[in-house]
Each structure stands twice: as C-alpha cells, then as structure tokens.
Protein backbone atom coordinates (compact mmCIF):
# COMPACT_ATOMS: atom_id res chain seq x y z
CA MET A 1 74.37 10.46 49.61
CA ASP A 2 74.00 7.65 47.09
CA ASP A 3 70.54 7.66 45.48
CA ALA A 4 70.22 3.86 45.62
CA SER A 5 71.13 3.66 49.31
CA THR A 6 68.73 6.53 50.09
CA LEU A 7 65.80 4.68 48.52
CA GLU A 8 66.51 1.69 50.75
CA ARG A 9 65.98 3.76 53.90
CA PRO A 10 62.59 3.82 55.65
CA VAL A 11 60.26 6.75 55.02
CA LEU A 12 60.19 9.16 57.96
CA ILE A 13 57.92 11.91 56.58
CA ASP A 14 55.29 11.33 53.90
CA VAL A 15 53.27 14.31 52.70
CA LYS A 16 50.29 13.09 50.70
CA ASP A 17 48.23 15.46 48.56
CA VAL A 18 48.24 18.19 51.21
CA SER A 19 46.38 21.45 50.69
CA TYR A 20 46.10 24.10 53.38
CA ALA A 21 44.61 27.55 53.91
CA TYR A 22 44.75 29.70 57.01
CA PRO A 23 41.38 30.33 58.70
CA PRO A 24 39.32 33.23 57.24
CA GLU A 25 39.65 35.25 60.45
CA SER A 26 43.46 35.12 60.33
CA SER A 27 45.66 37.92 59.00
CA ASP A 28 46.47 35.82 55.94
CA PRO A 29 43.29 33.91 54.95
CA ARG A 30 44.47 32.53 51.63
CA PRO A 31 45.31 29.09 50.24
CA VAL A 32 48.96 28.42 51.04
CA LEU A 33 49.56 24.82 49.93
CA SER A 34 47.96 23.05 46.98
CA HIS A 35 48.15 19.26 46.52
CA VAL A 36 51.70 18.90 47.84
CA ASN A 37 53.34 15.47 47.75
CA MET A 38 56.76 14.90 49.27
CA THR A 39 58.57 11.96 50.84
CA VAL A 40 61.57 12.31 53.15
CA ARG A 41 63.55 9.23 54.12
CA GLU A 42 65.61 8.72 57.26
CA GLY A 43 69.05 10.26 57.02
CA GLU A 44 68.27 12.57 54.10
CA TYR A 45 69.43 16.19 53.96
CA VAL A 46 66.72 18.08 52.10
CA ALA A 47 66.74 21.80 51.32
CA ILE A 48 63.38 23.49 50.70
CA LEU A 49 63.39 26.65 48.60
CA GLY A 50 60.70 29.15 47.67
CA HIS A 51 60.04 32.86 47.53
CA ASN A 52 58.18 34.59 50.35
CA GLY A 53 54.64 33.25 50.52
CA SER A 54 55.45 30.05 48.63
CA GLY A 55 54.27 27.89 51.54
CA LYS A 56 57.59 26.39 52.63
CA SER A 57 57.41 27.52 56.29
CA THR A 58 53.74 26.53 56.52
CA LEU A 59 54.63 23.04 55.31
CA ALA A 60 57.36 22.78 57.96
CA LYS A 61 55.01 23.94 60.72
CA LEU A 62 52.40 21.39 59.69
CA ILE A 63 54.98 18.59 59.81
CA ASN A 64 56.13 19.69 63.27
CA LEU A 65 52.55 20.32 64.56
CA VAL A 66 53.31 23.99 65.25
CA ILE A 67 50.14 24.52 63.21
CA ASP A 68 47.43 22.24 64.57
CA ASP A 69 44.25 23.78 63.16
CA TYR A 70 43.34 21.56 60.22
CA THR A 71 39.86 22.98 59.58
CA TYR A 72 40.98 24.18 56.16
CA ALA A 73 43.40 21.34 55.44
CA GLU A 74 43.21 18.31 53.19
CA GLY A 75 45.45 15.29 52.72
CA GLN A 76 47.76 13.47 55.09
CA ILE A 77 51.13 14.13 56.70
CA LEU A 78 52.57 10.91 58.03
CA VAL A 79 55.47 11.22 60.49
CA ASN A 80 56.89 7.82 61.34
CA GLY A 81 53.67 6.34 59.98
CA ARG A 82 51.30 8.46 62.10
CA ASP A 83 49.04 11.03 60.45
CA VAL A 84 49.65 14.30 62.31
CA MET A 85 46.41 15.76 60.87
CA SER A 86 44.22 12.90 62.10
CA ASP A 87 41.21 13.83 64.24
CA ASP A 88 41.90 11.01 66.70
CA ILE A 89 45.55 11.82 67.43
CA THR A 90 46.18 11.95 71.20
CA GLU A 91 48.12 14.54 73.22
CA GLU A 92 50.70 11.88 74.06
CA GLU A 93 51.20 11.12 70.37
CA ILE A 94 51.53 14.84 69.59
CA LEU A 95 54.25 15.24 72.20
CA ASP A 96 56.04 12.16 70.88
CA LEU A 97 55.89 13.45 67.30
CA ARG A 98 57.21 16.87 68.36
CA ARG A 99 60.12 15.14 70.09
CA SER A 100 60.80 13.12 66.94
CA VAL A 101 60.85 16.21 64.72
CA GLY A 102 62.61 19.16 66.33
CA MET A 103 62.40 22.64 64.86
CA VAL A 104 64.87 25.53 64.94
CA PHE A 105 63.41 28.91 64.04
CA GLN A 106 64.78 32.08 62.49
CA ASN A 107 65.46 34.20 65.56
CA PRO A 108 67.66 32.43 68.17
CA ASP A 109 66.72 34.97 70.85
CA ASN A 110 63.12 33.72 70.74
CA GLN A 111 64.22 30.15 71.52
CA LEU A 112 66.49 30.72 74.53
CA VAL A 113 64.69 30.52 77.88
CA ALA A 114 67.38 30.26 80.57
CA THR A 115 70.15 32.52 81.86
CA ILE A 116 72.94 29.93 81.52
CA VAL A 117 73.74 28.00 78.35
CA GLU A 118 73.70 24.50 79.84
CA GLU A 119 70.43 25.21 81.65
CA ASP A 120 68.89 26.25 78.35
CA VAL A 121 70.01 23.03 76.69
CA ALA A 122 68.61 21.04 79.61
CA PHE A 123 65.21 22.75 79.52
CA GLY A 124 63.57 20.48 76.92
CA PRO A 125 64.70 17.05 78.12
CA GLU A 126 64.18 18.07 81.76
CA ASN A 127 60.51 18.75 80.97
CA LEU A 128 60.35 15.29 79.44
CA GLY A 129 61.25 13.85 82.85
CA ILE A 130 64.69 12.58 81.85
CA PRO A 131 66.59 11.29 84.94
CA GLN A 132 69.30 13.62 86.25
CA LYS A 133 72.26 11.41 85.33
CA GLU A 134 71.05 10.92 81.76
CA LEU A 135 70.09 14.59 81.54
CA ARG A 136 73.66 15.61 82.42
CA GLN A 137 75.03 13.33 79.71
CA ARG A 138 72.55 14.57 77.12
CA VAL A 139 73.45 18.20 77.77
CA ASP A 140 77.18 17.50 77.60
CA ASP A 141 76.81 15.47 74.40
CA ALA A 142 74.60 18.08 72.74
CA LEU A 143 76.99 20.94 73.55
CA GLU A 144 79.92 18.90 72.25
CA THR A 145 78.05 18.12 69.03
CA VAL A 146 77.50 21.82 68.25
CA GLY A 147 80.96 22.86 69.45
CA MET A 148 79.75 24.90 72.43
CA THR A 149 81.15 22.92 75.40
CA GLU A 150 83.42 25.76 76.53
CA TYR A 151 80.42 28.09 76.71
CA ALA A 152 78.35 25.86 79.02
CA GLN A 153 78.45 28.37 81.89
CA HIS A 154 78.08 31.48 79.73
CA GLU A 155 75.05 33.75 79.58
CA PRO A 156 73.27 33.26 76.24
CA HIS A 157 72.68 36.98 75.67
CA ARG A 158 76.44 37.52 75.56
CA LEU A 159 76.93 35.11 72.66
CA SER A 160 77.06 35.91 68.96
CA GLY A 161 74.06 35.18 66.75
CA GLY A 162 75.65 32.02 65.37
CA GLN A 163 76.55 30.79 68.85
CA LYS A 164 73.01 31.44 70.11
CA GLN A 165 71.60 29.45 67.23
CA ARG A 166 73.95 26.56 68.00
CA VAL A 167 72.74 26.61 71.63
CA ALA A 168 69.15 26.46 70.34
CA ILE A 169 70.14 23.51 68.15
CA ALA A 170 71.78 21.79 71.14
CA GLY A 171 68.51 22.14 73.06
CA ILE A 172 66.73 20.20 70.32
CA ILE A 173 69.52 17.60 70.03
CA ALA A 174 69.27 16.91 73.77
CA MET A 175 65.72 15.65 73.18
CA LYS A 176 67.12 13.09 70.69
CA PRO A 177 65.03 13.85 67.59
CA ARG A 178 65.08 11.71 64.47
CA CYS A 179 64.61 14.78 62.27
CA MET A 180 65.44 18.47 62.60
CA ILE A 181 63.76 21.23 60.63
CA PHE A 182 65.68 24.48 60.23
CA ASP A 183 63.18 27.21 59.31
CA GLU A 184 65.28 30.04 57.86
CA SER A 185 67.64 29.43 60.79
CA THR A 186 70.52 31.36 59.19
CA ALA A 187 68.48 34.32 57.89
CA MET A 188 69.34 36.68 60.75
CA LEU A 189 73.00 35.69 61.04
CA ASP A 190 76.16 37.27 59.68
CA PRO A 191 78.31 35.24 57.24
CA MET A 192 80.38 33.68 60.04
CA GLY A 193 77.26 32.72 62.00
CA ARG A 194 75.71 31.22 58.86
CA LYS A 195 78.85 29.17 58.26
CA GLU A 196 78.80 27.85 61.84
CA VAL A 197 75.16 26.81 61.70
CA VAL A 198 75.39 25.20 58.24
CA ALA A 199 78.45 23.23 59.40
CA THR A 200 76.41 22.06 62.40
CA MET A 201 73.53 20.95 60.15
CA GLU A 202 75.93 18.94 58.02
CA LYS A 203 77.56 17.36 61.06
CA LEU A 204 74.18 16.33 62.49
CA ASN A 205 73.27 14.71 59.20
CA ARG A 206 76.57 13.15 58.13
CA GLU A 207 77.88 12.06 61.53
CA GLU A 208 74.80 11.71 63.75
CA GLY A 209 72.44 10.36 61.07
CA ILE A 210 69.74 12.93 61.85
CA THR A 211 67.36 13.73 59.00
CA VAL A 212 67.65 17.43 58.12
CA LEU A 213 65.09 19.67 56.43
CA SER A 214 66.60 23.08 55.76
CA ILE A 215 64.24 25.84 54.68
CA THR A 216 66.42 28.59 53.27
CA HIS A 217 66.61 31.37 50.73
CA TYR A 218 70.39 31.01 50.39
CA MET A 219 71.12 29.05 47.22
CA ASP A 220 74.65 28.13 48.31
CA GLU A 221 73.22 26.45 51.42
CA ALA A 222 70.70 24.50 49.35
CA ALA A 223 73.48 23.33 47.03
CA ARG A 224 75.06 21.46 49.94
CA ALA A 225 71.99 19.27 50.49
CA ASP A 226 71.40 15.79 49.08
CA ARG A 227 68.14 16.97 47.57
CA VAL A 228 66.38 20.25 46.82
CA VAL A 229 62.61 20.81 46.78
CA VAL A 230 61.31 24.05 45.24
CA LEU A 231 57.89 25.46 46.12
CA SER A 232 56.09 28.18 44.18
CA ASP A 233 52.60 29.44 45.01
CA GLY A 234 51.99 26.45 47.25
CA LYS A 235 53.03 23.80 44.73
CA ILE A 236 56.21 21.78 44.30
CA ILE A 237 57.70 22.69 40.93
CA LEU A 238 61.10 21.00 41.22
CA ASP A 239 62.37 18.08 43.32
CA GLY A 240 65.73 16.42 42.82
CA THR A 241 69.47 16.65 43.35
CA PRO A 242 71.06 20.12 43.45
CA ASP A 243 72.54 19.46 40.01
CA TYR A 244 69.08 18.63 38.61
CA VAL A 245 67.28 21.55 40.24
CA PHE A 246 69.85 24.23 39.45
CA ASP A 247 70.07 23.04 35.87
CA HIS A 248 66.51 24.37 35.49
CA ALA A 249 67.59 28.01 35.55
CA GLU A 250 64.52 29.41 33.77
CA THR A 251 62.10 27.58 36.09
CA MET A 252 64.00 28.89 39.10
CA ARG A 253 63.97 32.47 37.83
CA ALA A 254 60.26 32.24 37.00
CA ALA A 255 59.72 31.28 40.66
CA GLY A 256 61.64 34.36 41.79
CA LEU A 257 64.74 32.42 42.78
CA ASP A 258 68.39 32.71 41.82
CA LEU A 259 71.09 30.13 41.22
CA PRO A 260 74.17 29.67 43.42
CA GLN A 261 76.70 32.29 42.30
CA CYS A 262 79.20 29.69 41.19
CA THR A 263 76.54 27.87 39.15
CA ALA A 264 75.43 31.10 37.46
CA ALA A 265 79.07 31.92 36.63
CA ALA A 266 79.66 28.43 35.23
CA LYS A 267 76.53 28.65 33.06
CA TYR A 268 77.74 31.99 31.69
CA LEU A 269 81.10 30.47 30.80
CA LYS A 270 79.29 27.67 28.97
CA THR A 271 77.45 30.25 26.85
CA ARG A 272 80.88 31.63 25.93
CA GLY A 273 81.99 28.27 24.62
CA VAL A 274 83.78 26.88 27.67
CA LYS A 275 83.05 23.17 27.91
CA LEU A 276 82.36 22.41 31.55
CA GLU A 277 81.47 18.93 32.74
CA GLY A 278 80.34 17.41 36.04
CA SER A 279 78.61 19.02 39.00
CA LEU A 280 78.42 22.83 38.95
CA THR A 281 76.70 23.53 42.27
CA SER A 282 79.62 24.27 44.57
CA VAL A 283 82.68 26.49 44.39
CA GLU A 284 84.90 23.42 44.60
CA SER A 285 83.15 21.50 41.82
CA CYS A 286 83.00 24.55 39.55
CA ALA A 287 86.69 25.28 40.10
CA GLU A 288 87.51 21.66 39.28
CA ALA A 289 85.42 21.78 36.08
CA ILE A 290 87.02 25.06 34.97
CA LEU A 291 90.51 23.75 35.67
CA LYS A 292 89.77 20.59 33.72
CA ALA A 293 88.46 22.65 30.76
CA TRP A 294 91.54 24.91 30.84
CA ARG A 295 93.92 21.93 30.88
CA GLU A 296 92.06 20.35 27.97
CA ARG A 297 92.35 23.59 26.01
CA GLN A 298 96.06 23.82 26.81
CA ARG A 299 96.50 20.23 25.64
CA LYS A 300 94.74 20.89 22.35
CA GLU A 301 96.67 24.09 21.73
CA GLY A 302 99.90 22.28 22.47
CA ALA A 303 98.97 19.54 20.04
CA CYS A 304 98.28 22.15 17.35
CA ASP A 305 101.72 23.67 17.84
C-alpha cells in the first residue's frame, strides 16, 4: 500500500497513551501495557509482533472489548471515533463496536458453535436479526470469500484446522466488519493451514478493503503486511514498514524476536560482501536482489576479461 494514500484514509482505531494492568485478584496481576500509542487507518494491513507477555493480545482484546474491565486502565482507545473505555458507553454501542471489529482467535474449535458449516456462518448475523433473505446472501458471500462454498453442508469437526479457521473467519465476515483482528490465528495450524488462512487475510484486505490486524509470532507472515508494530514489555519499540522494522535486527533480537529467514540470509550475504539492494523481506524480493547482484558481478567480471 502506498504510504501517501494510506495517510489520506480516515483513522479507524486510535490508541492514545494506553496503560493497562490486570486486576490484582487475577492470575496475572501485573502491568501489561505502558503508554501505548498506535493509529490504524481504514484499509491498512498491520502485523503486531512481540514475545509472550509483551501485551499484544491484551491490546487486541481491549480494542475488541473482549476485555471490558478498565479499573486498572488509563488512556483512550477510539474505534470509529468512540472511546471503548469510556464509562458512559452503552450496551448498544458496545455491540455495534464489536460488529465493526471482528476477532478470530487461536483455536478454531473454540469458535465453531453449529453442526453444519453454513449454520455456523449464519450464527452471528442471525443473532443480529438480519432478515432471512439477506442472511442467506451474507452466508453465501462469506463462504465464497474464504473459498469454502463447497463445504457449506459439511460438519465442521470433519474439516482440517485451516478449513475450520476459514469457517470461523466467514462467520465474522457475515457480520460485515470494518476491521478484523487475527489473534495468533495460525499458531495451531500446519503449514498448509497457515498458508490458507494468510491468503484469506490478504484477500480480505486487498480485495474486500477490510482493515486487518494480524497478531503473529511468524516473521514471514508479518513481512507480508503493509506495516509492522513491535511490542516489548508492554511498549511499542518499532513501528513502520516491514523493510524498516526488519532492518533493526539488533532491536528485534533484544526483544526476543527473529527476522524472516530470507531476510536473515540476505543480511548474512551482505556481511560477506554481496551488495544487495531493495526490499529484503520476502523470498521473492530477496531472490530478485541476489539475482541482480550476481548479474552485476558477472558483468564486471566480463568487463575485466
């Protein structure tokens, strides 16, 4: 996504100086977020990285109102201009905000509630009181979007992990959200399932215009985003394009995070004198940079001959 065009889009989520700690009686009564500031604009694809306990999932749950106890919270989280942490927010506004920002969790089995795929997809919008004719269209459209139309009459428990997760995603899509948060949604999937879900995220963002927040610990997934935000000990330490973030290798390692494999390999080649230019965050871009460097070397050696 072009940086200039992104900045012209309206702000959908605005996190302003947010700090948060779980209540003292909880199993984890410690400060989790500390003075976090983050803006997400409509249509962005943002990856959020951080080691376990960095606060990334807590931030997502605050945005989506999964966490609604703000006794030990400070700051503001504006979703479509409404502060989700406000004392005077109404139940109707909460429901509206949860519809606007859908959330897909780690374990797909915990999100499936019906015995038939299309019934599961219909569950959310049906509870919103969507008329039957529109409900039918929403379910069909959502299943088509995630590539699961042929499985409409299947039993969810017979599907693969990746297919289950796509059904869960379809259930959120059917409620027509403006933003979808994927909270470690590929963590429990095999490589094929991960590939299916990541492709679905990209399709929702690139083709449907849905804002995507992907919380992940897979660096190759983060590299596919427009922007990467890195949290460490409850604070944002890096925020920028994948090229910018992964160029800060020492900061990433200090936060307990790796680089995408292709980026790490490219950086090693650079230490060995190979001149690589351009983006080095994807297999394709790294291969292109290496090929360009090899051709330049061949040209120079040919000129010397």
